[in-house]
């Protein structure tokens, strides 16, 4: 394996380790967190790295990785306001000569939170507002000479705001699970004009996350376990606006769905093993017009670390 692949693999592992250590510092056992801040952490995107590209119609990959450390900003442990900042990025290493990493997706964002209610235990609601940027750091022409998208070095950039709400409700009779429901609207602005009529600028996002605890003491005390053993996440997106010639109810062009199941075995103290199935528009910057269906496995950092 060449030096480039070794360097990138080492970088990813070091970043993942820093991500976990930073959260251990922020959320040490000495700090008894409210359900509000537990809910914020539970709804963060987890960093991950896949083993290859998986099964499906995606390009041949050595790996895909999301690097998404986040910094929590709060004035006190029991504050009803909060914010997170993340310099997130996704990168893919292709299984080609020289193992290229082409046009990573840079997605820095800041999110503001406001708690609405707390009914005791782990039941809680909050609203959030996200300001985000998505680009690939390239400045070549959007189109190639034959009129196709320049997926290797074409200039892709958009900015968006996202407004949503999250509800944490423990559902009986599943006393050993905690559920988080989230819904939001995403609106894009100040984007590359070539994206007009090709890229959805209004999106409806939904997610359901279920954490299953195997620690009986945690269940009895209604305190969220630091490392829930099982996590399942179902996410959907509906894409509004003009997308080529797609009709409003064209599910193939407008509906994205993702399901992830993660398990943290005792032998892996800091990460979990995940299985993900995704079908929808490609989320990797200039590949946005491609529809992919893929199943892959890999390693994931739990948000509760």
Protein backbone atom coordinates (compact mmCIF):
# COMPACT_ATOMS: atom_id res chain seq x y z
CA UNK A 1 0.00 0.00 0.00
CA UNK A 2 1.48 3.34 -1.00
CA UNK A 3 2.50 6.16 1.31
CA UNK A 4 -0.49 8.30 0.36
CA UNK A 5 -2.98 5.65 1.47
CA UNK A 6 -1.03 5.04 4.69
CA UNK A 7 -0.95 8.77 5.46
CA UNK A 8 -4.68 9.28 4.90
CA UNK A 9 -5.59 6.19 6.93
CA UNK A 10 -3.40 7.40 9.81
CA UNK A 11 -4.96 10.88 9.56
CA UNK A 12 -8.47 9.45 9.78
CA UNK A 13 -7.62 7.31 12.80
CA UNK A 14 -5.93 10.23 14.59
CA UNK A 15 -8.88 12.52 13.85
CA UNK A 16 -11.33 9.92 15.10
CA UNK A 17 -9.31 9.51 18.29
CA UNK A 18 -9.23 13.29 18.85
CA UNK A 19 -12.98 13.40 18.21
CA UNK A 20 -13.57 10.80 20.91
CA UNK A 21 -11.14 12.33 23.41
CA UNK A 22 -12.63 15.81 22.96
CA UNK A 23 -16.09 14.50 23.75
CA UNK A 24 -14.78 12.58 26.77
CA UNK A 25 -13.45 15.89 28.12
CA UNK A 26 -16.65 17.80 27.42
CA UNK A 27 -18.89 15.09 28.82
CA UNK A 28 -16.88 13.59 31.65
CA UNK A 29 -18.70 11.61 34.36
CA UNK A 30 -18.26 14.54 36.74
CA UNK A 31 -20.79 16.57 34.74
CA UNK A 32 -24.40 15.45 35.19
CA UNK A 33 -25.97 16.53 31.94
CA UNK A 34 -29.56 17.54 31.45
CA UNK A 35 -31.74 15.68 28.97
CA UNK A 36 -31.48 18.77 26.75
CA UNK A 37 -27.73 18.43 26.18
CA UNK A 38 -27.99 14.64 26.01
CA UNK A 39 -30.52 15.15 23.22
CA UNK A 40 -28.20 17.55 21.39
CA UNK A 41 -25.39 15.00 21.46
CA UNK A 42 -27.69 12.16 20.45
CA UNK A 43 -28.65 14.00 17.26
CA UNK A 44 -25.12 14.82 16.09
CA UNK A 45 -23.76 13.15 12.98
CA UNK A 46 -21.36 10.38 13.96
CA UNK A 47 -17.94 10.19 12.33
CA UNK A 48 -17.47 6.98 10.38
CA UNK A 49 -15.25 5.14 7.91
CA UNK A 50 -16.48 2.38 5.61
CA UNK A 51 -14.72 -0.80 4.54
CA UNK A 52 -14.59 -0.31 0.78
CA UNK A 53 -17.53 1.10 -1.14
CA UNK A 54 -20.00 -1.60 -0.21
CA UNK A 55 -22.50 -3.39 -2.43
CA UNK A 56 -24.42 -1.33 -4.95
CA UNK A 57 -23.96 1.04 -7.86
CA UNK A 58 -21.52 3.44 -6.17
CA UNK A 59 -18.00 3.88 -7.59
CA UNK A 60 -15.31 1.44 -6.47
CA UNK A 61 -13.87 2.87 -3.26
CA UNK A 62 -11.14 2.07 -0.77
CA UNK A 63 -13.27 3.85 1.82
CA UNK A 64 -15.70 6.68 2.44
CA UNK A 65 -15.28 8.69 5.63
CA UNK A 66 -17.24 11.37 7.45
CA UNK A 67 -15.04 13.41 9.80
CA UNK A 68 -17.44 15.36 11.99
CA UNK A 69 -16.03 16.47 15.35
CA UNK A 70 -18.18 19.04 17.08
CA UNK A 71 -17.71 21.66 19.78
CA UNK A 72 -20.54 22.21 22.25
CA UNK A 73 -21.06 25.78 23.47
CA UNK A 74 -23.09 26.32 26.63
CA UNK A 75 -23.13 28.74 29.53
CA UNK A 76 -24.02 26.21 32.24
CA UNK A 77 -24.91 22.54 32.71
CA UNK A 78 -28.62 23.32 33.03
CA UNK A 79 -28.91 26.07 30.40
CA UNK A 80 -31.92 26.05 28.06
CA UNK A 81 -29.77 27.37 25.20
CA UNK A 82 -26.84 25.78 23.41
CA UNK A 83 -24.85 25.71 20.19
CA UNK A 84 -22.58 23.33 18.30
CA UNK A 85 -19.86 24.09 15.76
CA UNK A 86 -18.47 21.47 13.38
CA UNK A 87 -15.95 21.62 10.50
CA UNK A 88 -17.43 18.43 8.99
CA UNK A 89 -16.19 16.92 5.74
CA UNK A 90 -16.78 13.77 3.70
CA UNK A 91 -14.06 12.23 1.57
CA UNK A 92 -13.84 9.22 -0.71
CA UNK A 93 -10.70 7.35 -1.70
CA UNK A 94 -11.21 5.71 -5.08
CA UNK A 95 -9.95 2.22 -5.94
CA UNK A 96 -7.99 3.50 -8.93
CA UNK A 97 -4.35 4.02 -9.81
CA UNK A 98 -2.64 6.16 -7.14
CA UNK A 99 -5.76 5.82 -4.91
CA UNK A 100 -7.01 9.39 -5.51
CA UNK A 101 -9.13 11.34 -3.01
CA UNK A 102 -11.17 13.60 -5.25
CA UNK A 103 -13.01 16.79 -4.32
CA UNK A 104 -13.97 16.17 -0.68
CA UNK A 105 -17.25 17.66 0.52
CA UNK A 106 -16.52 20.48 2.96
CA UNK A 107 -19.55 21.07 5.18
CA UNK A 108 -18.79 23.42 8.09
CA UNK A 109 -21.86 24.41 10.07
CA UNK A 110 -23.06 26.01 13.28
CA UNK A 111 -26.32 25.09 15.03
CA UNK A 112 -28.23 26.98 17.72
CA UNK A 113 -30.60 25.18 20.10
CA UNK A 114 -33.46 26.29 22.37
CA UNK A 115 -35.10 23.91 24.81
CA UNK A 116 -38.90 24.09 24.82
CA UNK A 117 -39.95 21.72 27.54
CA UNK A 118 -38.78 19.03 29.91
CA UNK A 119 -41.31 16.65 31.42
CA UNK A 120 -38.79 14.93 33.65
CA UNK A 121 -36.61 11.91 33.09
CA UNK A 122 -35.48 11.84 29.47
CA UNK A 123 -38.53 13.43 27.83
CA UNK A 124 -37.60 16.73 26.19
CA UNK A 125 -38.25 18.96 23.17
CA UNK A 126 -36.12 21.61 21.48
CA UNK A 127 -35.94 23.67 18.29
CA UNK A 128 -32.77 24.33 16.31
CA UNK A 129 -31.42 26.57 13.58
CA UNK A 130 -28.43 25.54 11.44
CA UNK A 131 -26.29 27.73 9.19
CA UNK A 132 -24.23 25.58 6.82
CA UNK A 133 -21.96 25.63 3.80
CA UNK A 134 -21.31 22.81 1.30
CA UNK A 135 -18.57 23.01 -1.33
CA UNK A 136 -15.78 20.96 -2.87
CA UNK A 137 -12.93 23.47 -2.97
CA UNK A 138 -12.67 23.38 -6.77
CA UNK A 139 -12.87 26.20 -9.33
CA UNK A 140 -12.91 24.50 -12.75
CA UNK A 141 -15.87 24.65 -15.12
CA UNK A 142 -19.10 23.06 -13.93
CA UNK A 143 -19.57 21.26 -17.28
CA UNK A 144 -17.21 19.31 -19.50
CA UNK A 145 -17.02 19.97 -23.23
CA UNK A 146 -19.57 17.20 -23.93
CA UNK A 147 -22.09 18.88 -21.59
CA UNK A 148 -21.75 16.37 -18.74
CA UNK A 149 -21.01 17.36 -15.15
CA UNK A 150 -17.35 17.82 -14.26
CA UNK A 151 -17.39 15.49 -11.25
CA UNK A 152 -13.60 15.55 -10.79
CA UNK A 153 -12.90 19.28 -10.54
CA UNK A 154 -16.10 21.19 -11.26
CA UNK A 155 -16.96 24.13 -8.99
CA UNK A 156 -19.72 23.13 -6.55
CA UNK A 157 -20.93 25.43 -3.76
CA UNK A 158 -24.14 26.15 -1.87
CA UNK A 159 -25.17 27.59 1.50
CA UNK A 160 -28.29 26.80 3.46
CA UNK A 161 -30.27 27.36 6.62
CA UNK A 162 -32.14 24.57 8.36
CA UNK A 163 -34.95 25.08 10.88
CA UNK A 164 -36.34 22.14 12.80
CA UNK A 165 -37.53 20.54 16.00
CA UNK A 166 -36.51 17.48 17.98
CA UNK A 167 -38.60 15.44 20.39
CA UNK A 168 -37.14 12.95 22.83
CA UNK A 169 -39.89 10.63 24.09
CA UNK A 170 -39.34 7.34 25.84
CA UNK A 171 -42.05 5.05 24.51
CA UNK A 172 -43.64 2.43 26.77
CA UNK A 173 -43.30 -0.51 27.12
CA UNK A 174 -39.70 -0.31 25.86
CA UNK A 175 -38.11 0.80 29.11
CA UNK A 176 -34.59 0.10 27.87
CA UNK A 177 -34.74 2.34 24.79
CA UNK A 178 -34.57 6.07 24.17
CA UNK A 179 -36.06 7.54 20.99
CA UNK A 180 -35.33 10.83 19.25
CA UNK A 181 -37.60 12.20 16.51
CA UNK A 182 -36.38 15.11 14.39
CA UNK A 183 -37.92 17.02 11.50
CA UNK A 184 -36.64 20.09 9.66
CA UNK A 185 -36.86 22.23 6.54
CA UNK A 186 -33.68 23.12 4.66
CA UNK A 187 -33.44 26.16 2.38
CA UNK A 188 -30.46 26.83 0.09
CA UNK A 189 -29.25 30.28 -0.97
CA UNK A 190 -26.18 31.90 -2.56
CA UNK A 191 -25.37 28.85 -4.65
CA UNK A 192 -23.68 28.21 -7.99
CA UNK A 193 -26.08 29.35 -10.69
CA UNK A 194 -25.47 26.14 -12.66
CA UNK A 195 -27.37 24.30 -9.92
CA UNK A 196 -30.62 25.99 -10.97
CA UNK A 197 -33.26 23.44 -12.07
CA UNK A 198 -30.86 20.62 -11.27
CA UNK A 199 -30.45 20.70 -7.49
CA UNK A 200 -33.15 20.81 -4.83
CA UNK A 201 -32.99 24.07 -2.84
CA UNK A 202 -35.80 23.16 -0.41
CA UNK A 203 -35.64 19.87 1.48
CA UNK A 204 -37.75 18.21 4.15
CA UNK A 205 -35.57 16.12 6.47
CA UNK A 206 -36.74 13.56 9.04
CA UNK A 207 -34.96 11.14 11.33
CA UNK A 208 -35.78 8.62 14.04
CA UNK A 209 -32.95 7.46 16.31
CA UNK A 210 -33.36 4.64 18.81
CA UNK A 211 -30.71 3.90 21.44
CA UNK A 212 -30.99 0.61 23.31
CA UNK A 213 -29.33 0.28 26.72
CA UNK A 214 -28.16 -3.05 28.11
CA UNK A 215 -27.20 -1.54 31.48
CA UNK A 216 -29.98 -2.31 33.99
CA UNK A 217 -28.74 0.26 36.50
CA UNK A 218 -28.91 2.96 33.81
CA UNK A 219 -32.46 1.88 32.95
CA UNK A 220 -33.66 1.98 36.57
CA UNK A 221 -32.14 5.41 37.25
CA UNK A 222 -33.35 6.90 33.92
CA UNK A 223 -29.80 8.07 33.24
CA UNK A 224 -28.61 7.64 29.67
CA UNK A 225 -25.83 5.09 29.41
CA UNK A 226 -22.53 6.60 28.24
CA UNK A 227 -22.15 3.96 25.52
CA UNK A 228 -25.52 2.49 24.49
CA UNK A 229 -24.81 -0.89 22.92
CA UNK A 230 -27.26 -0.58 20.05
CA UNK A 231 -28.25 2.34 17.89
CA UNK A 232 -30.60 2.40 14.90
CA UNK A 233 -31.25 5.45 12.73
CA UNK A 234 -33.81 5.92 9.99
CA UNK A 235 -33.47 9.10 7.89
CA UNK A 236 -35.57 10.39 5.00
CA UNK A 237 -35.34 13.45 2.74
CA UNK A 238 -37.92 14.83 0.31
CA UNK A 239 -36.51 17.13 -2.38
CA UNK A 240 -38.74 20.00 -3.49
CA UNK A 241 -38.34 22.43 -6.39
CA UNK A 242 -37.37 21.97 -10.02
CA UNK A 243 -35.13 18.94 -10.59
CA UNK A 244 -34.87 18.49 -14.31
CA UNK A 245 -38.13 17.09 -15.64
CA UNK A 246 -39.05 15.28 -12.42
CA UNK A 247 -42.72 15.35 -11.42
CA UNK A 248 -43.63 16.36 -7.89
CA UNK A 249 -44.36 12.75 -6.87
CA UNK A 250 -41.36 11.26 -8.64
CA UNK A 251 -39.95 9.18 -5.78
CA UNK A 252 -36.92 8.14 -7.78
CA UNK A 253 -35.77 11.75 -8.12
CA UNK A 254 -37.09 13.25 -4.88
CA UNK A 255 -36.97 10.67 -2.09
CA UNK A 256 -33.83 9.65 -0.18
CA UNK A 257 -33.81 7.05 2.58
CA UNK A 258 -31.05 5.76 4.85
CA UNK A 259 -31.08 3.13 7.60
CA UNK A 260 -28.14 2.50 9.93
CA UNK A 261 -27.75 -0.17 12.59
CA UNK A 262 -24.73 0.15 14.91
CA UNK A 263 -23.46 -2.16 17.65
CA UNK A 264 -20.64 -1.56 20.12
CA UNK A 265 -19.07 -4.88 21.15
CA UNK A 266 -17.15 -5.14 24.42
CA UNK A 267 -13.91 -5.62 22.48
CA UNK A 268 -14.21 -2.13 20.92
CA UNK A 269 -14.29 0.43 23.70
CA UNK A 270 -14.33 3.58 21.56
CA UNK A 271 -16.16 2.74 18.33
CA UNK A 272 -19.06 0.68 17.04
CA UNK A 273 -19.55 -1.50 13.98
CA UNK A 274 -22.29 -0.27 11.66
CA UNK A 275 -24.35 -1.52 8.74
CA UNK A 276 -25.90 1.14 6.50
CA UNK A 277 -28.31 0.93 3.58
CA UNK A 278 -28.86 4.06 1.48
CA UNK A 279 -30.94 4.79 -1.61
CA UNK A 280 -31.27 8.27 -3.08
CA UNK A 281 -29.38 11.11 -4.68
CA UNK A 282 -25.63 11.06 -4.16
CA UNK A 283 -24.66 13.52 -1.38
CA UNK A 284 -21.04 13.88 -2.56
CA UNK A 285 -20.92 17.43 -4.03
CA UNK A 286 -20.65 17.27 -7.85
CA UNK A 287 -22.11 13.74 -7.90
CA UNK A 288 -25.47 15.15 -6.77
CA UNK A 289 -27.27 14.18 -9.98
CA UNK A 290 -26.49 10.46 -9.63
CA UNK A 291 -28.83 8.13 -7.81
CA UNK A 292 -27.09 5.47 -5.75
CA UNK A 293 -28.30 2.43 -3.84
CA UNK A 294 -25.66 0.92 -1.60
CA UNK A 295 -25.17 -1.28 1.46
CA UNK A 296 -21.91 -0.93 3.37
CA UNK A 297 -20.28 -1.69 6.71
CA UNK A 298 -17.64 0.15 8.71
CA UNK A 299 -16.63 1.74 12.01
CA UNK A 300 -18.56 4.56 13.65
CA UNK A 301 -18.02 6.81 16.65
CA UNK A 302 -20.98 6.92 19.02
CA UNK A 303 -22.35 10.40 19.65
CA UNK A 304 -22.57 9.61 23.37
CA UNK A 305 -18.81 9.26 23.78
